[in-house]
Each structure stands twice: as C-alpha cells, then as structure tokens.
mmCIF file of all heavy atoms, coordinates in Angstrom:
data_MODEL
# 
_entry.id   MODEL 
# 
loop_
_atom_site.group_PDB 
_atom_site.id 
_atom_site.type_symbol 
_atom_site.label_atom_id 
_atom_site.label_alt_id 
_atom_site.label_comp_id 
_atom_site.label_asym_id 
_atom_site.label_entity_id 
_atom_site.label_seq_id 
_atom_site.pdbx_PDB_ins_code 
_atom_site.Cartn_x 
_atom_site.Cartn_y 
_atom_site.Cartn_z 
_atom_site.occupancy 
_atom_site.B_iso_or_equiv 
_atom_site.pdbx_formal_charge 
_atom_site.auth_seq_id 
_atom_site.auth_comp_id 
_atom_site.auth_asym_id 
_atom_site.auth_atom_id 
_atom_site.pdbx_PDB_model_num 
ATOM 1   N N   . ILE A 1 1  ? 39.507 26.573 -43.770 1.00 0.00 ? 1  ILE A N   1 
ATOM 2   C CA  . ILE A 1 1  ? 38.113 27.040 -43.850 1.00 0.00 ? 1  ILE A CA  1 
ATOM 3   C C   . ILE A 1 1  ? 37.294 26.076 -44.704 1.00 0.00 ? 1  ILE A C   1 
ATOM 4   O O   . ILE A 1 1  ? 36.162 25.708 -44.358 1.00 0.00 ? 1  ILE A O   1 
ATOM 5   C CB  . ILE A 1 1  ? 38.048 28.471 -44.419 1.00 0.00 ? 1  ILE A CB  1 
ATOM 6   C CG1 . ILE A 1 1  ? 38.593 29.471 -43.403 1.00 0.00 ? 1  ILE A CG1 1 
ATOM 7   C CG2 . ILE A 1 1  ? 36.604 28.832 -44.795 1.00 0.00 ? 1  ILE A CG2 1 
ATOM 8   C CD1 . ILE A 1 1  ? 38.716 30.891 -43.940 1.00 0.00 ? 1  ILE A CD1 1 
ATOM 9   N N   . ALA A 1 2  ? 37.880 25.659 -45.839 1.00 0.00 ? 2  ALA A N   1 
ATOM 10  C CA  . ALA A 1 2  ? 37.165 24.728 -46.721 1.00 0.00 ? 2  ALA A CA  1 
ATOM 11  C C   . ALA A 1 2  ? 36.912 23.390 -46.027 1.00 0.00 ? 2  ALA A C   1 
ATOM 12  O O   . ALA A 1 2  ? 35.824 22.803 -46.163 1.00 0.00 ? 2  ALA A O   1 
ATOM 13  C CB  . ALA A 1 2  ? 37.975 24.522 -48.003 1.00 0.00 ? 2  ALA A CB  1 
ATOM 14  N N   . VAL A 1 3  ? 37.890 22.910 -45.282 1.00 0.00 ? 3  VAL A N   1 
ATOM 15  C CA  . VAL A 1 3  ? 37.725 21.644 -44.551 1.00 0.00 ? 3  VAL A CA  1 
ATOM 16  C C   . VAL A 1 3  ? 36.628 21.775 -43.498 1.00 0.00 ? 3  VAL A C   1 
ATOM 17  O O   . VAL A 1 3  ? 35.753 20.893 -43.365 1.00 0.00 ? 3  VAL A O   1 
ATOM 18  C CB  . VAL A 1 3  ? 39.057 21.222 -43.895 1.00 0.00 ? 3  VAL A CB  1 
ATOM 19  C CG1 . VAL A 1 3  ? 38.835 20.053 -42.941 1.00 0.00 ? 3  VAL A CG1 1 
ATOM 20  C CG2 . VAL A 1 3  ? 40.081 20.846 -44.960 1.00 0.00 ? 3  VAL A CG2 1 
ATOM 21  N N   . ALA A 1 4  ? 36.660 22.884 -42.735 1.00 0.00 ? 4  ALA A N   1 
ATOM 22  C CA  . ALA A 1 4  ? 35.653 23.099 -41.701 1.00 0.00 ? 4  ALA A CA  1 
ATOM 23  C C   . ALA A 1 4  ? 34.260 23.197 -42.310 1.00 0.00 ? 4  ALA A C   1 
ATOM 24  O O   . ALA A 1 4  ? 33.288 22.629 -41.780 1.00 0.00 ? 4  ALA A O   1 
ATOM 25  C CB  . ALA A 1 4  ? 35.980 24.369 -40.914 1.00 0.00 ? 4  ALA A CB  1 
ATOM 26  N N   . GLN A 1 5  ? 34.156 23.899 -43.434 1.00 0.00 ? 5  GLN A N   1 
ATOM 27  C CA  . GLN A 1 5  ? 32.854 24.041 -44.093 1.00 0.00 ? 5  GLN A CA  1 
ATOM 28  C C   . GLN A 1 5  ? 32.336 22.686 -44.560 1.00 0.00 ? 5  GLN A C   1 
ATOM 29  O O   . GLN A 1 5  ? 31.137 22.377 -44.425 1.00 0.00 ? 5  GLN A O   1 
ATOM 30  C CB  . GLN A 1 5  ? 32.976 24.997 -45.277 1.00 0.00 ? 5  GLN A CB  1 
ATOM 31  C CG  . GLN A 1 5  ? 31.686 25.272 -46.008 1.00 0.00 ? 5  GLN A CG  1 
ATOM 32  C CD  . GLN A 1 5  ? 30.692 26.032 -45.169 1.00 0.00 ? 5  GLN A CD  1 
ATOM 33  O OE1 . GLN A 1 5  ? 30.066 25.444 -44.267 1.00 0.00 ? 5  GLN A OE1 1 
ATOM 34  N NE2 . GLN A 1 5  ? 30.547 27.319 -45.440 1.00 0.00 ? 5  GLN A NE2 1 
ATOM 35  N N   . SER A 1 6  ? 33.232 21.850 -45.091 1.00 0.00 ? 6  SER A N   1 
ATOM 36  C CA  . SER A 1 6  ? 32.822 20.521 -45.555 1.00 0.00 ? 6  SER A CA  1 
ATOM 37  C C   . SER A 1 6  ? 32.311 19.670 -44.393 1.00 0.00 ? 6  SER A C   1 
ATOM 38  O O   . SER A 1 6  ? 31.271 18.986 -44.506 1.00 0.00 ? 6  SER A O   1 
ATOM 39  C CB  . SER A 1 6  ? 34.007 19.832 -46.235 1.00 0.00 ? 6  SER A CB  1 
ATOM 40  O OG  . SER A 1 6  ? 33.669 18.525 -46.617 1.00 0.00 ? 6  SER A OG  1 
ATOM 41  N N   . LEU A 1 7  ? 32.994 19.733 -43.258 1.00 0.00 ? 7  LEU A N   1 
ATOM 42  C CA  . LEU A 1 7  ? 32.578 18.956 -42.092 1.00 0.00 ? 7  LEU A CA  1 
ATOM 43  C C   . LEU A 1 7  ? 31.218 19.425 -41.583 1.00 0.00 ? 7  LEU A C   1 
ATOM 44  O O   . LEU A 1 7  ? 30.341 18.619 -41.240 1.00 0.00 ? 7  LEU A O   1 
ATOM 45  C CB  . LEU A 1 7  ? 33.626 19.071 -40.983 1.00 0.00 ? 7  LEU A CB  1 
ATOM 46  C CG  . LEU A 1 7  ? 34.968 18.377 -41.251 1.00 0.00 ? 7  LEU A CG  1 
ATOM 47  C CD1 . LEU A 1 7  ? 35.967 18.732 -40.158 1.00 0.00 ? 7  LEU A CD1 1 
ATOM 48  C CD2 . LEU A 1 7  ? 34.771 16.862 -41.326 1.00 0.00 ? 7  LEU A CD2 1 
ATOM 49  N N   . VAL A 1 8  ? 31.036 20.742 -41.505 1.00 0.00 ? 8  VAL A N   1 
ATOM 50  C CA  . VAL A 1 8  ? 29.768 21.284 -41.011 1.00 0.00 ? 8  VAL A CA  1 
ATOM 51  C C   . VAL A 1 8  ? 28.616 20.871 -41.920 1.00 0.00 ? 8  VAL A C   1 
ATOM 52  O O   . VAL A 1 8  ? 27.534 20.482 -41.464 1.00 0.00 ? 8  VAL A O   1 
ATOM 53  C CB  . VAL A 1 8  ? 29.857 22.821 -40.894 1.00 0.00 ? 8  VAL A CB  1 
ATOM 54  C CG1 . VAL A 1 8  ? 28.463 23.436 -40.671 1.00 0.00 ? 8  VAL A CG1 1 
ATOM 55  C CG2 . VAL A 1 8  ? 30.785 23.214 -39.755 1.00 0.00 ? 8  VAL A CG2 1 
ATOM 56  N N   . ARG A 1 9  ? 28.837 20.937 -43.235 1.00 0.00 ? 9  ARG A N   1 
ATOM 57  C CA  . ARG A 1 9  ? 27.782 20.568 -44.172 1.00 0.00 ? 9  ARG A CA  1 
ATOM 58  C C   . ARG A 1 9  ? 27.427 19.082 -44.052 1.00 0.00 ? 9  ARG A C   1 
ATOM 59  O O   . ARG A 1 9  ? 26.252 18.704 -44.184 1.00 0.00 ? 9  ARG A O   1 
ATOM 60  C CB  . ARG A 1 9  ? 28.218 20.909 -45.598 1.00 0.00 ? 9  ARG A CB  1 
ATOM 61  C CG  . ARG A 1 9  ? 28.161 22.411 -45.887 1.00 0.00 ? 9  ARG A CG  1 
ATOM 62  C CD  . ARG A 1 9  ? 28.778 22.768 -47.220 1.00 0.00 ? 9  ARG A CD  1 
ATOM 63  N NE  . ARG A 1 9  ? 28.696 24.204 -47.463 1.00 0.00 ? 9  ARG A NE  1 
ATOM 64  C CZ  . ARG A 1 9  ? 29.379 24.834 -48.403 1.00 0.00 ? 9  ARG A CZ  1 
ATOM 65  N NH1 . ARG A 1 9  ? 30.211 24.152 -49.204 1.00 0.00 ? 9  ARG A NH1 1 
ATOM 66  N NH2 . ARG A 1 9  ? 29.247 26.139 -48.564 1.00 0.00 ? 9  ARG A NH2 1 
ATOM 67  N N   . ASN A 1 10 ? 28.420 18.258 -43.813 1.00 0.00 ? 10 ASN A N   1 
ATOM 68  C CA  . ASN A 1 10 ? 28.145 16.830 -43.631 1.00 0.00 ? 10 ASN A CA  1 
ATOM 69  C C   . ASN A 1 10 ? 27.306 16.588 -42.377 1.00 0.00 ? 10 ASN A C   1 
ATOM 70  O O   . ASN A 1 10 ? 26.401 15.732 -42.375 1.00 0.00 ? 10 ASN A O   1 
ATOM 71  C CB  . ASN A 1 10 ? 29.457 16.044 -43.535 1.00 0.00 ? 10 ASN A CB  1 
ATOM 72  C CG  . ASN A 1 10 ? 30.137 15.892 -44.873 1.00 0.00 ? 10 ASN A CG  1 
ATOM 73  O OD1 . ASN A 1 10 ? 29.493 15.975 -45.914 1.00 0.00 ? 10 ASN A OD1 1 
ATOM 74  N ND2 . ASN A 1 10 ? 31.446 15.672 -44.856 1.00 0.00 ? 10 ASN A ND2 1 
ATOM 75  N N   . VAL A 1 11 ? 27.603 17.354 -41.319 1.00 0.00 ? 11 VAL A N   1 
ATOM 76  C CA  . VAL A 1 11 ? 26.813 17.223 -40.090 1.00 0.00 ? 11 VAL A CA  1 
ATOM 77  C C   . VAL A 1 11 ? 25.388 17.677 -40.340 1.00 0.00 ? 11 VAL A C   1 
ATOM 78  O O   . VAL A 1 11 ? 24.414 17.011 -39.923 1.00 0.00 ? 11 VAL A O   1 
ATOM 79  C CB  . VAL A 1 11 ? 27.457 18.022 -38.942 1.00 0.00 ? 11 VAL A CB  1 
ATOM 80  C CG1 . VAL A 1 11 ? 26.518 18.077 -37.731 1.00 0.00 ? 11 VAL A CG1 1 
ATOM 81  C CG2 . VAL A 1 11 ? 28.801 17.429 -38.549 1.00 0.00 ? 11 VAL A CG2 1 
ATOM 82  N N   . VAL A 1 12 ? 25.223 18.829 -41.032 1.00 0.00 ? 12 VAL A N   1 
ATOM 83  C CA  . VAL A 1 12 ? 23.885 19.363 -41.314 1.00 0.00 ? 12 VAL A CA  1 
ATOM 84  C C   . VAL A 1 12 ? 23.082 18.374 -42.162 1.00 0.00 ? 12 VAL A C   1 
ATOM 85  O O   . VAL A 1 12 ? 21.870 18.232 -41.984 1.00 0.00 ? 12 VAL A O   1 
ATOM 86  C CB  . VAL A 1 12 ? 24.008 20.735 -42.018 1.00 0.00 ? 12 VAL A CB  1 
ATOM 87  C CG1 . VAL A 1 12 ? 22.640 21.202 -42.537 1.00 0.00 ? 12 VAL A CG1 1 
ATOM 88  C CG2 . VAL A 1 12 ? 24.600 21.764 -41.062 1.00 0.00 ? 12 VAL A CG2 1 
ATOM 89  N N   . ARG A 1 13 ? 23.734 17.665 -43.073 1.00 0.00 ? 13 ARG A N   1 
ATOM 90  C CA  . ARG A 1 13 ? 23.049 16.703 -43.929 1.00 0.00 ? 13 ARG A CA  1 
ATOM 91  C C   . ARG A 1 13 ? 22.712 15.406 -43.207 1.00 0.00 ? 13 ARG A C   1 
ATOM 92  O O   . ARG A 1 13 ? 22.080 14.510 -43.772 1.00 0.00 ? 13 ARG A O   1 
ATOM 93  C CB  . ARG A 1 13 ? 23.908 16.400 -45.155 1.00 0.00 ? 13 ARG A CB  1 
ATOM 94  C CG  . ARG A 1 13 ? 23.997 17.571 -46.130 1.00 0.00 ? 13 ARG A CG  1 
ATOM 95  C CD  . ARG A 1 13 ? 25.074 17.336 -47.172 1.00 0.00 ? 13 ARG A CD  1 
ATOM 96  N NE  . ARG A 1 13 ? 25.215 18.484 -48.052 1.00 0.00 ? 13 ARG A NE  1 
ATOM 97  C CZ  . ARG A 1 13 ? 26.308 18.757 -48.773 1.00 0.00 ? 13 ARG A CZ  1 
ATOM 98  N NH1 . ARG A 1 13 ? 27.343 17.919 -48.703 1.00 0.00 ? 13 ARG A NH1 1 
ATOM 99  N NH2 . ARG A 1 13 ? 26.346 19.810 -49.548 1.00 0.00 ? 13 ARG A NH2 1 
ATOM 100 N N   . GLY A 1 14 ? 23.141 15.310 -41.958 1.00 0.00 ? 14 GLY A N   1 
ATOM 101 C CA  . GLY A 1 14 ? 22.765 14.146 -41.162 1.00 0.00 ? 14 GLY A CA  1 
ATOM 102 C C   . GLY A 1 14 ? 23.724 12.984 -41.239 1.00 0.00 ? 14 GLY A C   1 
ATOM 103 O O   . GLY A 1 14 ? 23.423 11.893 -40.732 1.00 0.00 ? 14 GLY A O   1 
ATOM 104 N N   . TYR A 1 15 ? 24.888 13.169 -41.858 1.00 0.00 ? 15 TYR A N   1 
ATOM 105 C CA  . TYR A 1 15 ? 25.833 12.066 -41.991 1.00 0.00 ? 15 TYR A CA  1 
ATOM 106 C C   . TYR A 1 15 ? 26.412 11.649 -40.637 1.00 0.00 ? 15 TYR A C   1 
ATOM 107 O O   . TYR A 1 15 ? 26.907 10.508 -40.491 1.00 0.00 ? 15 TYR A O   1 
ATOM 108 C CB  . TYR A 1 15 ? 26.984 12.442 -42.926 1.00 0.00 ? 15 TYR A CB  1 
ATOM 109 C CG  . TYR A 1 15 ? 26.550 12.678 -44.355 1.00 0.00 ? 15 TYR A CG  1 
ATOM 110 C CD1 . TYR A 1 15 ? 27.208 13.593 -45.158 1.00 0.00 ? 15 TYR A CD1 1 
ATOM 111 C CD2 . TYR A 1 15 ? 25.481 11.976 -44.907 1.00 0.00 ? 15 TYR A CD2 1 
ATOM 112 C CE1 . TYR A 1 15 ? 26.827 13.818 -46.463 1.00 0.00 ? 15 TYR A CE1 1 
ATOM 113 C CE2 . TYR A 1 15 ? 25.084 12.185 -46.210 1.00 0.00 ? 15 TYR A CE2 1 
ATOM 114 C CZ  . TYR A 1 15 ? 25.753 13.106 -46.996 1.00 0.00 ? 15 TYR A CZ  1 
ATOM 115 O OH  . TYR A 1 15 ? 25.369 13.324 -48.288 1.00 0.00 ? 15 TYR A OH  1 
ATOM 116 N N   . ALA A 1 16 ? 26.325 12.520 -39.654 1.00 0.00 ? 16 ALA A N   1 
ATOM 117 C CA  . ALA A 1 16 ? 26.847 12.188 -38.313 1.00 0.00 ? 16 ALA A CA  1 
ATOM 118 C C   . ALA A 1 16 ? 25.712 11.816 -37.356 1.00 0.00 ? 16 ALA A C   1 
ATOM 119 O O   . ALA A 1 16 ? 25.941 11.666 -36.161 1.00 0.00 ? 16 ALA A O   1 
ATOM 120 C CB  . ALA A 1 16 ? 27.643 13.370 -37.749 1.00 0.00 ? 16 ALA A CB  1 
ATOM 121 N N   . GLY A 1 17 ? 24.518 11.668 -37.885 1.00 0.00 ? 17 GLY A N   1 
ATOM 122 C CA  . GLY A 1 17 ? 23.376 11.340 -37.049 1.00 0.00 ? 17 GLY A CA  1 
ATOM 123 C C   . GLY A 1 17 ? 22.356 12.462 -37.046 1.00 0.00 ? 17 GLY A C   1 
ATOM 124 O O   . GLY A 1 17 ? 22.618 13.570 -37.514 1.00 0.00 ? 17 GLY A O   1 
ATOM 125 N N   . PRO A 1 18 ? 21.149 12.187 -36.532 1.00 0.00 ? 18 PRO A N   1 
ATOM 126 C CA  . PRO A 1 18 ? 20.091 13.201 -36.534 1.00 0.00 ? 18 PRO A CA  1 
ATOM 127 C C   . PRO A 1 18 ? 20.432 14.370 -35.598 1.00 0.00 ? 18 PRO A C   1 
ATOM 128 O O   . PRO A 1 18 ? 21.142 14.218 -34.606 1.00 0.00 ? 18 PRO A O   1 
ATOM 129 C CB  . PRO A 1 18 ? 18.863 12.422 -36.031 1.00 0.00 ? 18 PRO A CB  1 
ATOM 130 C CG  . PRO A 1 18 ? 19.436 11.273 -35.274 1.00 0.00 ? 18 PRO A CG  1 
ATOM 131 C CD  . PRO A 1 18 ? 20.718 10.917 -35.936 1.00 0.00 ? 18 PRO A CD  1 
ATOM 132 N N   . LEU A 1 19 ? 19.915 15.577 -35.970 1.00 0.00 ? 19 LEU A N   1 
ATOM 133 C CA  . LEU A 1 19 ? 20.142 16.781 -35.180 1.00 0.00 ? 19 LEU A CA  1 
ATOM 134 C C   . LEU A 1 19 ? 18.817 17.312 -34.666 1.00 0.00 ? 19 LEU A C   1 
ATOM 135 O O   . LEU A 1 19 ? 17.769 17.174 -35.310 1.00 0.00 ? 19 LEU A O   1 
ATOM 136 C CB  . LEU A 1 19 ? 20.815 17.870 -36.038 1.00 0.00 ? 19 LEU A CB  1 
ATOM 137 C CG  . LEU A 1 19 ? 22.198 17.567 -36.614 1.00 0.00 ? 19 LEU A CG  1 
ATOM 138 C CD1 . LEU A 1 19 ? 22.627 18.701 -37.532 1.00 0.00 ? 19 LEU A CD1 1 
ATOM 139 C CD2 . LEU A 1 19 ? 23.223 17.374 -35.505 1.00 0.00 ? 19 LEU A CD2 1 
ATOM 140 N N   . THR A 1 20 ? 18.871 17.937 -33.533 1.00 0.00 ? 20 THR A N   1 
ATOM 141 C CA  . THR A 1 20 ? 17.688 18.640 -33.026 1.00 0.00 ? 20 THR A CA  1 
ATOM 142 C C   . THR A 1 20 ? 17.568 19.952 -33.785 1.00 0.00 ? 20 THR A C   1 
ATOM 143 O O   . THR A 1 20 ? 18.497 20.395 -34.480 1.00 0.00 ? 20 THR A O   1 
ATOM 144 C CB  . THR A 1 20 ? 17.836 18.931 -31.520 1.00 0.00 ? 20 THR A CB  1 
ATOM 145 O OG1 . THR A 1 20 ? 18.927 19.850 -31.334 1.00 0.00 ? 20 THR A OG1 1 
ATOM 146 C CG2 . THR A 1 20 ? 18.103 17.659 -30.737 1.00 0.00 ? 20 THR A CG2 1 
ATOM 147 N N   . GLU A 1 21 ? 16.413 20.606 -33.661 1.00 0.00 ? 21 GLU A N   1 
ATOM 148 C CA  . GLU A 1 21 ? 16.210 21.886 -34.338 1.00 0.00 ? 21 GLU A CA  1 
ATOM 149 C C   . GLU A 1 21 ? 17.225 22.926 -33.855 1.00 0.00 ? 21 GLU A C   1 
ATOM 150 O O   . GLU A 1 21 ? 17.715 23.740 -34.627 1.00 0.00 ? 21 GLU A O   1 
ATOM 151 C CB  . GLU A 1 21 ? 14.777 22.368 -34.102 1.00 0.00 ? 21 GLU A CB  1 
ATOM 152 C CG  . GLU A 1 21 ? 13.719 21.549 -34.831 1.00 0.00 ? 21 GLU A CG  1 
ATOM 153 C CD  . GLU A 1 21 ? 13.966 21.510 -36.323 1.00 0.00 ? 21 GLU A CD  1 
ATOM 154 O OE1 . GLU A 1 21 ? 14.297 22.571 -36.918 1.00 0.00 ? 21 GLU A OE1 1 
ATOM 155 O OE2 . GLU A 1 21 ? 13.848 20.428 -36.907 1.00 0.00 ? 21 GLU A OE2 1 
ATOM 156 N N   . THR A 1 22 ? 17.506 22.875 -32.542 1.00 0.00 ? 22 THR A N   1 
ATOM 157 C CA  . THR A 1 22 ? 18.490 23.830 -31.990 1.00 0.00 ? 22 THR A CA  1 
ATOM 158 C C   . THR A 1 22 ? 19.869 23.583 -32.592 1.00 0.00 ? 22 THR A C   1 
ATOM 159 O O   . THR A 1 22 ? 20.583 24.531 -32.957 1.00 0.00 ? 22 THR A O   1 
ATOM 160 C CB  . THR A 1 22 ? 18.568 23.695 -30.463 1.00 0.00 ? 22 THR A CB  1 
ATOM 161 O OG1 . THR A 1 22 ? 17.273 23.956 -29.909 1.00 0.00 ? 22 THR A OG1 1 
ATOM 162 C CG2 . THR A 1 22 ? 19.575 24.665 -29.886 1.00 0.00 ? 22 THR A CG2 1 
ATOM 163 N N   . GLN A 1 23 ? 20.244 22.309 -32.720 1.00 0.00 ? 23 GLN A N   1 
ATOM 164 C CA  . GLN A 1 23 ? 21.544 21.984 -33.305 1.00 0.00 ? 23 GLN A CA  1 
ATOM 165 C C   . GLN A 1 23 ? 21.598 22.380 -34.782 1.00 0.00 ? 23 GLN A C   1 
ATOM 166 O O   . GLN A 1 23 ? 22.623 22.889 -35.262 1.00 0.00 ? 23 GLN A O   1 
ATOM 167 C CB  . GLN A 1 23 ? 21.811 20.484 -33.147 1.00 0.00 ? 23 GLN A CB  1 
ATOM 168 C CG  . GLN A 1 23 ? 22.097 20.065 -31.723 1.00 0.00 ? 23 GLN A CG  1 
ATOM 169 C CD  . GLN A 1 23 ? 22.167 18.550 -31.564 1.00 0.00 ? 23 GLN A CD  1 
ATOM 170 O OE1 . GLN A 1 23 ? 21.489 17.809 -32.300 1.00 0.00 ? 23 GLN A OE1 1 
ATOM 171 N NE2 . GLN A 1 23 ? 22.960 18.102 -30.600 1.00 0.00 ? 23 GLN A NE2 1 
ATOM 172 N N   . LYS A 1 24 ? 20.497 22.148 -35.501 1.00 0.00 ? 24 LYS A N   1 
ATOM 173 C CA  . LYS A 1 24 ? 20.462 22.543 -36.911 1.00 0.00 ? 24 LYS A CA  1 
ATOM 174 C C   . LYS A 1 24 ? 20.661 24.045 -37.063 1.00 0.00 ? 24 LYS A C   1 
ATOM 175 O O   . LYS A 1 24 ? 21.392 24.512 -37.944 1.00 0.00 ? 24 LYS A O   1 
ATOM 176 C CB  . LYS A 1 24 ? 19.141 22.122 -37.548 1.00 0.00 ? 24 LYS A CB  1 
ATOM 177 C CG  . LYS A 1 24 ? 18.998 20.629 -37.771 1.00 0.00 ? 24 LYS A CG  1 
ATOM 178 C CD  . LYS A 1 24 ? 17.651 20.313 -38.412 1.00 0.00 ? 24 LYS A CD  1 
ATOM 179 C CE  . LYS A 1 24 ? 17.482 18.810 -38.623 1.00 0.00 ? 24 LYS A CE  1 
ATOM 180 N NZ  . LYS A 1 24 ? 16.170 18.491 -39.209 1.00 0.00 ? 24 LYS A NZ  1 
ATOM 181 N N   . ASP A 1 25 ? 19.998 24.813 -36.198 1.00 0.00 ? 25 ASP A N   1 
ATOM 182 C CA  . ASP A 1 25 ? 20.129 26.266 -36.245 1.00 0.00 ? 25 ASP A CA  1 
ATOM 183 C C   . ASP A 1 25 ? 21.568 26.697 -35.944 1.00 0.00 ? 25 ASP A C   1 
ATOM 184 O O   . ASP A 1 25 ? 22.123 27.575 -36.610 1.00 0.00 ? 25 ASP A O   1 
ATOM 185 C CB  . ASP A 1 25 ? 19.160 26.904 -35.242 1.00 0.00 ? 25 ASP A CB  1 
ATOM 186 C CG  . ASP A 1 25 ? 19.248 28.423 -35.260 1.00 0.00 ? 25 ASP A CG  1 
ATOM 187 O OD1 . ASP A 1 25 ? 18.932 29.022 -36.303 1.00 0.00 ? 25 ASP A OD1 1 
ATOM 188 O OD2 . ASP A 1 25 ? 19.663 29.010 -34.231 1.00 0.00 ? 25 ASP A OD2 1 
ATOM 189 N N   . LEU A 1 26 ? 22.178 26.050 -34.950 1.00 0.00 ? 26 LEU A N   1 
ATOM 190 C CA  . LEU A 1 26 ? 23.553 26.387 -34.570 1.00 0.00 ? 26 LEU A CA  1 
ATOM 191 C C   . LEU A 1 26 ? 24.520 26.100 -35.713 1.00 0.00 ? 26 LEU A C   1 
ATOM 192 O O   . LEU A 1 26 ? 25.362 26.941 -36.058 1.00 0.00 ? 26 LEU A O   1 
ATOM 193 C CB  . LEU A 1 26 ? 23.946 25.581 -33.328 1.00 0.00 ? 26 LEU A CB  1 
ATOM 194 C CG  . LEU A 1 26 ? 25.396 25.765 -32.840 1.00 0.00 ? 26 LEU A CG  1 
ATOM 195 C CD1 . LEU A 1 26 ? 25.665 27.213 -32.464 1.00 0.00 ? 26 LEU A CD1 1 
ATOM 196 C CD2 . LEU A 1 26 ? 25.670 24.836 -31.654 1.00 0.00 ? 26 LEU A CD2 1 
ATOM 197 N N   . PHE A 1 27 ? 24.389 24.910 -36.331 1.00 0.00 ? 27 PHE A N   1 
ATOM 198 C CA  . PHE A 1 27 ? 25.291 24.569 -37.432 1.00 0.00 ? 27 PHE A CA  1 
ATOM 199 C C   . PHE A 1 27 ? 25.034 25.424 -38.671 1.00 0.00 ? 27 PHE A C   1 
ATOM 200 O O   . PHE A 1 27 ? 25.956 25.705 -39.444 1.00 0.00 ? 27 PHE A O   1 
ATOM 201 C CB  . PHE A 1 27 ? 25.163 23.078 -37.763 1.00 0.00 ? 27 PHE A CB  1 
ATOM 202 C CG  . PHE A 1 27 ? 25.995 22.204 -36.869 1.00 0.00 ? 27 PHE A CG  1 
ATOM 203 C CD1 . PHE A 1 27 ? 25.426 21.490 -35.818 1.00 0.00 ? 27 PHE A CD1 1 
ATOM 204 C CD2 . PHE A 1 27 ? 27.366 22.091 -37.069 1.00 0.00 ? 27 PHE A CD2 1 
ATOM 205 C CE1 . PHE A 1 27 ? 26.201 20.691 -34.993 1.00 0.00 ? 27 PHE A CE1 1 
ATOM 206 C CE2 . PHE A 1 27 ? 28.135 21.279 -36.248 1.00 0.00 ? 27 PHE A CE2 1 
ATOM 207 C CZ  . PHE A 1 27 ? 27.557 20.583 -35.198 1.00 0.00 ? 27 PHE A CZ  1 
# 
C-alpha cells in the first residue's frame, strides 16, 4: 500500500509527465 501510494503521488506531482484534469481527478 505504501509503495502504491508513493507511486501515485509521484504521478500526481507530474514526475511521470503532465496530466489532464480527468487524469488528475482519477489519481
């Protein structure tokens, strides 16, 4: 759970590239 949460937060912070508003809401 901790690993998954860390990955999701990195995606939300844009470390994996920009997100659309829909993707931000989903994450």
